[in-house]
Amino acid sequence: MTGLRADFLDGMSRAAATVNIITTGGTAGRAGLTVSAMTSVSADTPKPTLLICINANSAGAAPIIENGVFAVNVLSESQADVSDVFAGRSAHSGDARFGCATWQEGATGAPLLDGALVCFDCRVAQHRRIGTHHVLFGEVEAVRFSGEGRPLIYAQRSYAVPAELLG
């Protein structure tokens, strides 16, 4: 791989991000996938808004869009195994992936991961396809704090945890 695309991918691998499981539930079924592309958009809208990016070819993309809801489950340092399951690095697939952990149903119907540092329960406000990915804006309906510890980080194509959080 050479050129601007390769440089972009290599550069993005150096931008550390939290590891998140995006889940959905509803008439289109339950689905989930691992993503690092999640960020705050604004707390100063009628409902706080965040943004996620998901690969259009992922099995979770269509159910998320059809259900119109999703949860962002921000993983703790002890949940790399859950990330691997939802990233497709295990024998589990489809709904069987949810057997790797304990879940509660959120207000929107999206599954919320027990032990996640925080779960953002969202309704899709807007979505747009850009290249190979869907960009979804979620209006946050509820925030649940359920875990302790440090966030699981993905950087330079591997998991890490912050050695120290300055504050």
N, C-alpha and C. Protein backbone atom coordinates (compact mmCIF):
# COMPACT_ATOMS: atom_id res chain seq x y z
N MET A 1 0.85 -1.17 0.00
CA MET A 1 0.00 0.00 0.00
C MET A 1 0.90 1.24 0.00
N THR A 2 0.70 2.09 -0.96
CA THR A 2 1.50 3.31 -1.04
C THR A 2 0.60 4.49 -1.34
N GLY A 3 1.15 5.67 -1.20
CA GLY A 3 0.43 6.86 -1.56
C GLY A 3 -0.34 7.49 -0.40
N LEU A 4 -1.21 8.42 -0.77
CA LEU A 4 -1.94 9.19 0.22
C LEU A 4 -2.82 8.31 1.11
N ARG A 5 -3.50 7.30 0.53
CA ARG A 5 -4.36 6.42 1.33
C ARG A 5 -3.54 5.70 2.41
N ALA A 6 -2.40 5.16 2.04
CA ALA A 6 -1.53 4.47 3.00
C ALA A 6 -1.04 5.42 4.08
N ASP A 7 -0.65 6.62 3.67
CA ASP A 7 -0.20 7.61 4.64
C ASP A 7 -1.33 7.99 5.60
N PHE A 8 -2.54 8.13 5.04
CA PHE A 8 -3.70 8.45 5.87
C PHE A 8 -3.94 7.36 6.91
N LEU A 9 -3.97 6.10 6.46
CA LEU A 9 -4.21 4.99 7.39
C LEU A 9 -3.12 4.89 8.44
N ASP A 10 -1.87 5.07 8.03
CA ASP A 10 -0.77 5.02 9.00
C ASP A 10 -0.87 6.18 9.98
N GLY A 11 -1.21 7.34 9.48
CA GLY A 11 -1.36 8.51 10.35
C GLY A 11 -2.50 8.32 11.33
N MET A 12 -3.63 7.79 10.89
CA MET A 12 -4.77 7.58 11.77
C MET A 12 -4.47 6.52 12.83
N SER A 13 -3.58 5.58 12.52
CA SER A 13 -3.23 4.56 13.53
C SER A 13 -2.51 5.19 14.72
N ARG A 14 -1.98 6.38 14.53
CA ARG A 14 -1.26 7.06 15.60
C ARG A 14 -2.17 7.99 16.41
N ALA A 15 -3.43 8.08 15.99
CA ALA A 15 -4.40 8.90 16.72
C ALA A 15 -5.15 7.98 17.69
N ALA A 16 -4.71 7.96 18.92
CA ALA A 16 -5.31 7.07 19.92
C ALA A 16 -6.78 7.40 20.12
N ALA A 17 -7.57 6.34 20.31
CA ALA A 17 -9.02 6.51 20.51
C ALA A 17 -9.52 5.44 21.46
N THR A 18 -10.63 5.74 22.14
CA THR A 18 -11.24 4.72 22.98
C THR A 18 -11.80 3.62 22.11
N VAL A 19 -11.91 2.44 22.69
CA VAL A 19 -12.51 1.29 22.02
C VAL A 19 -13.95 1.21 22.49
N ASN A 20 -14.87 1.11 21.53
CA ASN A 20 -16.29 1.16 21.82
C ASN A 20 -17.01 0.02 21.12
N ILE A 21 -18.02 -0.53 21.79
CA ILE A 21 -18.92 -1.47 21.14
C ILE A 21 -20.19 -0.71 20.83
N ILE A 22 -20.54 -0.66 19.55
CA ILE A 22 -21.78 -0.03 19.13
C ILE A 22 -22.82 -1.13 19.02
N THR A 23 -23.95 -0.97 19.71
CA THR A 23 -25.00 -1.98 19.70
C THR A 23 -26.32 -1.36 19.27
N THR A 24 -27.22 -2.22 18.80
CA THR A 24 -28.57 -1.79 18.45
C THR A 24 -29.53 -2.92 18.77
N GLY A 25 -30.77 -2.55 18.97
CA GLY A 25 -31.83 -3.52 19.18
C GLY A 25 -33.13 -2.93 18.67
N GLY A 26 -34.02 -3.78 18.19
CA GLY A 26 -35.30 -3.31 17.68
C GLY A 26 -35.86 -4.28 16.66
N THR A 27 -36.76 -3.81 15.82
CA THR A 27 -37.43 -4.68 14.85
C THR A 27 -36.47 -5.28 13.83
N ALA A 28 -35.35 -4.61 13.56
CA ALA A 28 -34.36 -5.15 12.62
C ALA A 28 -33.40 -6.11 13.30
N GLY A 29 -33.60 -6.36 14.61
CA GLY A 29 -32.76 -7.30 15.33
C GLY A 29 -31.68 -6.63 16.14
N ARG A 30 -30.98 -7.47 16.87
CA ARG A 30 -29.88 -7.03 17.72
C ARG A 30 -28.58 -7.23 16.96
N ALA A 31 -27.70 -6.24 17.05
CA ALA A 31 -26.41 -6.32 16.36
C ALA A 31 -25.40 -5.47 17.11
N GLY A 32 -24.12 -5.73 16.86
CA GLY A 32 -23.08 -4.94 17.48
C GLY A 32 -21.77 -5.05 16.74
N LEU A 33 -20.91 -4.06 16.92
CA LEU A 33 -19.61 -4.05 16.29
C LEU A 33 -18.66 -3.17 17.08
N THR A 34 -17.37 -3.42 16.94
CA THR A 34 -16.33 -2.64 17.60
C THR A 34 -15.93 -1.48 16.72
N VAL A 35 -15.85 -0.29 17.30
CA VAL A 35 -15.37 0.89 16.56
C VAL A 35 -14.49 1.75 17.47
N SER A 36 -13.62 2.49 16.85
CA SER A 36 -12.87 3.52 17.57
C SER A 36 -13.28 4.91 17.10
N ALA A 37 -14.07 4.97 16.02
CA ALA A 37 -14.48 6.26 15.45
C ALA A 37 -15.76 6.74 16.13
N MET A 38 -15.59 7.41 17.27
CA MET A 38 -16.70 7.99 18.03
C MET A 38 -16.19 9.28 18.65
N THR A 39 -17.04 10.30 18.61
CA THR A 39 -16.64 11.56 19.23
C THR A 39 -17.86 12.38 19.61
N SER A 40 -17.66 13.27 20.55
CA SER A 40 -18.68 14.23 20.94
C SER A 40 -18.87 15.24 19.81
N VAL A 41 -20.10 15.65 19.59
CA VAL A 41 -20.38 16.72 18.63
C VAL A 41 -20.74 17.99 19.40
N SER A 42 -21.77 17.89 20.28
CA SER A 42 -22.18 19.07 21.05
C SER A 42 -23.01 18.66 22.25
N ALA A 43 -22.78 19.33 23.35
CA ALA A 43 -23.63 19.18 24.53
C ALA A 43 -24.69 20.27 24.56
N ASP A 44 -24.56 21.24 23.66
CA ASP A 44 -25.43 22.43 23.65
C ASP A 44 -26.45 22.41 22.53
N THR A 45 -27.04 21.26 22.31
CA THR A 45 -28.15 21.09 21.38
C THR A 45 -29.33 20.64 22.25
N PRO A 46 -30.55 20.58 21.71
CA PRO A 46 -31.66 20.15 22.57
C PRO A 46 -31.36 18.84 23.32
N LYS A 47 -30.70 17.92 22.68
CA LYS A 47 -30.17 16.72 23.34
C LYS A 47 -28.69 16.65 22.94
N PRO A 48 -27.82 16.26 23.88
CA PRO A 48 -26.41 16.13 23.50
C PRO A 48 -26.27 15.20 22.29
N THR A 49 -25.27 15.48 21.46
CA THR A 49 -25.10 14.74 20.21
C THR A 49 -23.68 14.21 20.12
N LEU A 50 -23.58 12.96 19.62
CA LEU A 50 -22.28 12.38 19.33
C LEU A 50 -22.30 11.81 17.92
N LEU A 51 -21.14 11.41 17.44
CA LEU A 51 -20.98 10.93 16.08
C LEU A 51 -20.25 9.60 16.11
N ILE A 52 -20.70 8.66 15.28
CA ILE A 52 -19.97 7.40 15.09
C ILE A 52 -19.80 7.17 13.60
N CYS A 53 -18.77 6.43 13.24
CA CYS A 53 -18.55 6.01 11.86
C CYS A 53 -18.48 4.50 11.84
N ILE A 54 -19.27 3.87 10.96
CA ILE A 54 -19.27 2.41 10.86
C ILE A 54 -19.14 2.00 9.40
N ASN A 55 -18.40 0.93 9.17
CA ASN A 55 -18.21 0.41 7.83
C ASN A 55 -19.55 -0.05 7.27
N ALA A 56 -19.87 0.38 6.07
CA ALA A 56 -21.14 0.04 5.44
C ALA A 56 -21.28 -1.45 5.18
N ASN A 57 -20.16 -2.17 5.07
CA ASN A 57 -20.20 -3.61 4.82
C ASN A 57 -20.32 -4.45 6.09
N SER A 58 -20.27 -3.81 7.26
CA SER A 58 -20.37 -4.57 8.50
C SER A 58 -21.79 -5.08 8.68
N ALA A 59 -21.90 -6.22 9.34
CA ALA A 59 -23.22 -6.82 9.58
C ALA A 59 -24.09 -5.94 10.46
N GLY A 60 -23.50 -5.06 11.25
CA GLY A 60 -24.27 -4.21 12.14
C GLY A 60 -24.81 -2.94 11.50
N ALA A 61 -24.30 -2.56 10.33
CA ALA A 61 -24.68 -1.28 9.73
C ALA A 61 -26.18 -1.20 9.43
N ALA A 62 -26.70 -2.15 8.70
CA ALA A 62 -28.12 -2.09 8.30
C ALA A 62 -29.06 -2.12 9.51
N PRO A 63 -28.86 -3.02 10.50
CA PRO A 63 -29.75 -3.00 11.66
C PRO A 63 -29.72 -1.68 12.44
N ILE A 64 -28.55 -1.07 12.56
CA ILE A 64 -28.46 0.21 13.27
C ILE A 64 -29.30 1.26 12.55
N ILE A 65 -29.15 1.34 11.25
CA ILE A 65 -29.90 2.33 10.48
C ILE A 65 -31.39 2.02 10.50
N GLU A 66 -31.76 0.74 10.33
CA GLU A 66 -33.18 0.36 10.33
C GLU A 66 -33.83 0.56 11.69
N ASN A 67 -33.13 0.19 12.76
CA ASN A 67 -33.68 0.36 14.11
C ASN A 67 -33.75 1.83 14.50
N GLY A 68 -32.84 2.63 13.96
CA GLY A 68 -32.82 4.06 14.29
C GLY A 68 -32.30 4.35 15.69
N VAL A 69 -31.67 3.37 16.32
CA VAL A 69 -31.11 3.55 17.67
C VAL A 69 -29.78 2.84 17.76
N PHE A 70 -28.93 3.33 18.66
CA PHE A 70 -27.68 2.65 18.95
C PHE A 70 -27.18 3.09 20.32
N ALA A 71 -26.35 2.25 20.89
CA ALA A 71 -25.65 2.60 22.13
C ALA A 71 -24.15 2.56 21.86
N VAL A 72 -23.45 3.49 22.46
CA VAL A 72 -22.00 3.50 22.45
C VAL A 72 -21.57 3.02 23.83
N ASN A 73 -20.94 1.86 23.88
CA ASN A 73 -20.46 1.26 25.12
C ASN A 73 -18.95 1.44 25.15
N VAL A 74 -18.46 2.36 25.98
CA VAL A 74 -17.04 2.68 26.06
C VAL A 74 -16.37 1.65 26.97
N LEU A 75 -15.43 0.89 26.40
CA LEU A 75 -14.84 -0.23 27.12
C LEU A 75 -13.78 0.19 28.13
N SER A 76 -13.70 -0.61 29.20
CA SER A 76 -12.65 -0.42 30.19
C SER A 76 -11.45 -1.29 29.81
N GLU A 77 -10.36 -1.07 30.49
CA GLU A 77 -9.12 -1.79 30.19
C GLU A 77 -9.25 -3.30 30.31
N SER A 78 -10.23 -3.78 31.05
CA SER A 78 -10.41 -5.23 31.25
C SER A 78 -11.32 -5.87 30.21
N GLN A 79 -11.75 -5.13 29.20
CA GLN A 79 -12.74 -5.64 28.26
C GLN A 79 -12.23 -5.84 26.83
N ALA A 80 -10.94 -6.05 26.67
CA ALA A 80 -10.38 -6.29 25.33
C ALA A 80 -10.99 -7.54 24.70
N ASP A 81 -11.31 -8.55 25.52
CA ASP A 81 -11.92 -9.77 24.98
C ASP A 81 -13.28 -9.49 24.35
N VAL A 82 -14.06 -8.59 24.93
CA VAL A 82 -15.36 -8.21 24.36
C VAL A 82 -15.14 -7.49 23.03
N SER A 83 -14.16 -6.62 22.99
CA SER A 83 -13.83 -5.93 21.74
C SER A 83 -13.49 -6.92 20.64
N ASP A 84 -12.66 -7.91 20.97
CA ASP A 84 -12.27 -8.91 19.97
C ASP A 84 -13.48 -9.67 19.42
N VAL A 85 -14.42 -10.01 20.28
CA VAL A 85 -15.62 -10.74 19.84
C VAL A 85 -16.39 -9.89 18.84
N PHE A 86 -16.61 -8.62 19.16
CA PHE A 86 -17.42 -7.76 18.30
C PHE A 86 -16.63 -7.22 17.10
N ALA A 87 -15.32 -7.41 17.11
CA ALA A 87 -14.49 -7.06 15.95
C ALA A 87 -14.38 -8.23 14.98
N GLY A 88 -14.99 -9.36 15.33
CA GLY A 88 -14.95 -10.53 14.45
C GLY A 88 -13.72 -11.39 14.63
N ARG A 89 -12.99 -11.22 15.72
CA ARG A 89 -11.78 -12.01 15.97
C ARG A 89 -12.07 -13.18 16.91
N SER A 90 -13.24 -13.78 16.76
CA SER A 90 -13.59 -14.96 17.56
C SER A 90 -14.52 -15.84 16.73
N ALA A 91 -14.87 -16.98 17.26
CA ALA A 91 -15.77 -17.90 16.56
C ALA A 91 -17.22 -17.44 16.63
N HIS A 92 -17.51 -16.49 17.51
CA HIS A 92 -18.89 -16.01 17.66
C HIS A 92 -19.27 -15.10 16.51
N SER A 93 -20.54 -15.17 16.10
CA SER A 93 -21.04 -14.26 15.08
C SER A 93 -22.50 -13.95 15.37
N GLY A 94 -23.00 -12.91 14.73
CA GLY A 94 -24.40 -12.53 14.88
C GLY A 94 -24.78 -12.31 16.34
N ASP A 95 -25.99 -12.74 16.67
CA ASP A 95 -26.53 -12.54 18.01
C ASP A 95 -25.72 -13.31 19.06
N ALA A 96 -25.03 -14.38 18.66
CA ALA A 96 -24.23 -15.16 19.61
C ALA A 96 -23.11 -14.34 20.24
N ARG A 97 -22.71 -13.26 19.60
CA ARG A 97 -21.67 -12.39 20.16
C ARG A 97 -22.05 -11.86 21.53
N PHE A 98 -23.34 -11.65 21.74
CA PHE A 98 -23.79 -11.06 23.00
C PHE A 98 -23.60 -12.01 24.18
N GLY A 99 -23.32 -13.29 23.92
CA GLY A 99 -23.09 -14.25 24.99
C GLY A 99 -21.77 -14.07 25.69
N CYS A 100 -20.90 -13.20 25.19
CA CYS A 100 -19.58 -13.00 25.79
C CYS A 100 -19.61 -12.08 27.00
N ALA A 101 -20.75 -11.46 27.28
CA ALA A 101 -20.83 -10.50 28.38
C ALA A 101 -22.29 -10.40 28.83
N THR A 102 -22.51 -9.58 29.86
CA THR A 102 -23.86 -9.34 30.37
C THR A 102 -24.35 -7.98 29.89
N TRP A 103 -25.59 -7.93 29.46
CA TRP A 103 -26.17 -6.73 28.86
C TRP A 103 -27.49 -6.39 29.53
N GLN A 104 -27.83 -5.11 29.51
CA GLN A 104 -29.13 -4.62 29.95
C GLN A 104 -29.73 -3.83 28.78
N GLU A 105 -31.03 -3.84 28.67
CA GLU A 105 -31.68 -3.08 27.60
C GLU A 105 -31.80 -1.63 28.01
N GLY A 106 -31.34 -0.74 27.14
CA GLY A 106 -31.43 0.69 27.39
C GLY A 106 -32.81 1.23 27.06
N ALA A 107 -33.03 2.50 27.31
CA ALA A 107 -34.32 3.14 27.05
C ALA A 107 -34.72 3.05 25.58
N THR A 108 -33.74 3.05 24.68
CA THR A 108 -34.04 2.97 23.24
C THR A 108 -34.23 1.54 22.76
N GLY A 109 -33.87 0.57 23.60
CA GLY A 109 -33.89 -0.84 23.20
C GLY A 109 -32.53 -1.36 22.81
N ALA A 110 -31.53 -0.48 22.75
CA ALA A 110 -30.17 -0.90 22.43
C ALA A 110 -29.54 -1.56 23.65
N PRO A 111 -28.77 -2.64 23.46
CA PRO A 111 -28.10 -3.30 24.58
C PRO A 111 -26.98 -2.43 25.18
N LEU A 112 -26.96 -2.37 26.52
CA LEU A 112 -25.93 -1.64 27.27
C LEU A 112 -25.07 -2.65 28.00
N LEU A 113 -23.76 -2.55 27.84
CA LEU A 113 -22.80 -3.51 28.38
C LEU A 113 -22.55 -3.26 29.86
N ASP A 114 -22.81 -4.29 30.68
CA ASP A 114 -22.47 -4.21 32.09
C ASP A 114 -20.96 -4.08 32.23
N GLY A 115 -20.53 -3.17 33.08
CA GLY A 115 -19.10 -2.99 33.32
C GLY A 115 -18.41 -2.03 32.37
N ALA A 116 -19.11 -1.55 31.33
CA ALA A 116 -18.51 -0.53 30.46
C ALA A 116 -18.29 0.73 31.30
N LEU A 117 -17.28 1.52 30.93
CA LEU A 117 -17.05 2.76 31.68
C LEU A 117 -18.26 3.67 31.62
N VAL A 118 -18.85 3.77 30.45
CA VAL A 118 -20.03 4.59 30.24
C VAL A 118 -20.75 4.06 29.01
N CYS A 119 -22.07 4.19 29.02
CA CYS A 119 -22.89 3.82 27.86
C CYS A 119 -23.74 5.02 27.47
N PHE A 120 -23.69 5.38 26.21
CA PHE A 120 -24.52 6.46 25.67
C PHE A 120 -25.63 5.83 24.84
N ASP A 121 -26.87 6.01 25.26
CA ASP A 121 -28.03 5.41 24.61
C ASP A 121 -28.61 6.47 23.67
N CYS A 122 -28.60 6.20 22.36
CA CYS A 122 -28.86 7.24 21.36
C CYS A 122 -29.95 6.86 20.35
N ARG A 123 -30.57 7.89 19.80
CA ARG A 123 -31.44 7.77 18.63
C ARG A 123 -30.71 8.41 17.45
N VAL A 124 -30.81 7.79 16.29
CA VAL A 124 -30.16 8.33 15.10
C VAL A 124 -30.88 9.62 14.70
N ALA A 125 -30.14 10.72 14.67
CA ALA A 125 -30.68 12.00 14.25
C ALA A 125 -30.47 12.21 12.76
N GLN A 126 -29.29 11.82 12.29
CA GLN A 126 -28.94 11.94 10.87
C GLN A 126 -27.92 10.87 10.53
N HIS A 127 -27.91 10.48 9.27
CA HIS A 127 -26.82 9.63 8.82
C HIS A 127 -26.55 9.92 7.36
N ARG A 128 -25.32 9.67 6.99
CA ARG A 128 -24.88 9.93 5.61
C ARG A 128 -23.78 8.93 5.28
N ARG A 129 -23.81 8.42 4.08
CA ARG A 129 -22.73 7.54 3.64
C ARG A 129 -21.65 8.37 2.98
N ILE A 130 -20.41 8.14 3.43
CA ILE A 130 -19.24 8.79 2.83
C ILE A 130 -18.23 7.71 2.53
N GLY A 131 -18.00 7.45 1.27
CA GLY A 131 -17.07 6.39 0.87
C GLY A 131 -17.57 5.04 1.38
N THR A 132 -16.73 4.35 2.12
CA THR A 132 -17.06 3.00 2.61
C THR A 132 -17.79 3.01 3.95
N HIS A 133 -18.05 4.19 4.50
CA HIS A 133 -18.60 4.27 5.86
C HIS A 133 -19.89 5.08 5.95
N HIS A 134 -20.70 4.71 6.96
CA HIS A 134 -21.84 5.52 7.36
C HIS A 134 -21.38 6.41 8.50
N VAL A 135 -21.72 7.68 8.43
CA VAL A 135 -21.50 8.62 9.51
C VAL A 135 -22.87 8.86 10.13
N LEU A 136 -22.99 8.53 11.42
CA LEU A 136 -24.28 8.66 12.11
C LEU A 136 -24.15 9.64 13.26
N PHE A 137 -25.11 10.55 13.34
CA PHE A 137 -25.21 11.46 14.46
C PHE A 137 -26.28 10.91 15.38
N GLY A 138 -25.93 10.76 16.64
CA GLY A 138 -26.87 10.23 17.62
C GLY A 138 -27.23 11.26 18.67
N GLU A 139 -28.54 11.42 18.88
CA GLU A 139 -29.01 12.26 19.99
C GLU A 139 -29.05 11.39 21.23
N VAL A 140 -28.36 11.80 22.27
CA VAL A 140 -28.23 11.00 23.48
C VAL A 140 -29.51 11.10 24.30
N GLU A 141 -30.13 9.93 24.52
CA GLU A 141 -31.35 9.84 25.33
C GLU A 141 -31.01 9.62 26.80
N ALA A 142 -29.93 8.90 27.07
CA ALA A 142 -29.54 8.59 28.44
C ALA A 142 -28.06 8.25 28.48
N VAL A 143 -27.46 8.47 29.64
CA VAL A 143 -26.06 8.12 29.89
C VAL A 143 -26.04 7.23 31.13
N ARG A 144 -25.36 6.09 31.01
CA ARG A 144 -25.26 5.18 32.15
C ARG A 144 -23.79 4.94 32.47
N PHE A 145 -23.43 5.19 33.72
CA PHE A 145 -22.09 4.91 34.21
C PHE A 145 -22.17 3.60 34.97
N SER A 146 -21.34 2.63 34.59
CA SER A 146 -21.43 1.35 35.29
C SER A 146 -20.09 0.73 35.62
N GLY A 147 -19.02 1.31 35.12
CA GLY A 147 -17.72 0.68 35.34
C GLY A 147 -16.72 1.62 35.97
N GLU A 148 -15.69 1.02 36.50
CA GLU A 148 -14.57 1.74 37.08
C GLU A 148 -13.33 1.37 36.29
N GLY A 149 -12.30 2.17 36.41
CA GLY A 149 -11.03 1.83 35.78
C GLY A 149 -10.66 2.79 34.68
N ARG A 150 -9.70 2.36 33.90
CA ARG A 150 -9.18 3.19 32.81
C ARG A 150 -9.79 2.74 31.49
N PRO A 151 -9.88 3.64 30.51
CA PRO A 151 -10.44 3.26 29.21
C PRO A 151 -9.48 2.37 28.42
N LEU A 152 -10.05 1.48 27.65
CA LEU A 152 -9.28 0.69 26.68
C LEU A 152 -9.05 1.58 25.47
N ILE A 153 -7.82 1.68 25.06
CA ILE A 153 -7.42 2.57 23.96
C ILE A 153 -6.93 1.72 22.79
N TYR A 154 -7.16 2.21 21.57
CA TYR A 154 -6.61 1.57 20.38
C TYR A 154 -5.69 2.58 19.71
N ALA A 155 -4.42 2.21 19.55
CA ALA A 155 -3.44 3.07 18.91
C ALA A 155 -2.34 2.21 18.31
N GLN A 156 -1.82 2.64 17.19
CA GLN A 156 -0.76 1.93 16.48
C GLN A 156 -1.13 0.46 16.28
N ARG A 157 -2.41 0.25 15.94
CA ARG A 157 -2.98 -1.05 15.60
C ARG A 157 -2.94 -2.07 16.72
N SER A 158 -3.00 -1.60 17.97
CA SER A 158 -3.07 -2.52 19.10
C SER A 158 -3.76 -1.83 20.29
N TYR A 159 -4.16 -2.66 21.26
CA TYR A 159 -4.80 -2.15 22.47
C TYR A 159 -3.74 -1.58 23.41
N ALA A 160 -4.17 -0.60 24.19
CA ALA A 160 -3.31 -0.02 25.22
C ALA A 160 -4.20 0.58 26.30
N VAL A 161 -3.59 0.95 27.39
CA VAL A 161 -4.30 1.70 28.43
C VAL A 161 -3.43 2.89 28.78
N PRO A 162 -4.06 4.00 29.13
CA PRO A 162 -3.26 5.15 29.53
C PRO A 162 -2.50 4.84 30.82
N ALA A 163 -1.21 5.11 30.84
CA ALA A 163 -0.41 4.86 32.04
C ALA A 163 -0.87 5.77 33.17
N GLU A 164 -1.20 6.97 32.82
CA GLU A 164 -1.65 7.93 33.82
C GLU A 164 -2.57 8.91 33.15
N LEU A 165 -3.66 9.20 33.78
CA LEU A 165 -4.56 10.24 33.29
C LEU A 165 -4.32 11.49 34.11
N LEU A 166 -3.92 12.55 33.45
CA LEU A 166 -3.64 13.79 34.16
C LEU A 166 -4.94 14.50 34.42
N GLY A 167 -5.09 15.13 35.55
CA GLY A 167 -6.35 15.80 35.79
C GLY A 167 -6.33 16.83 36.80
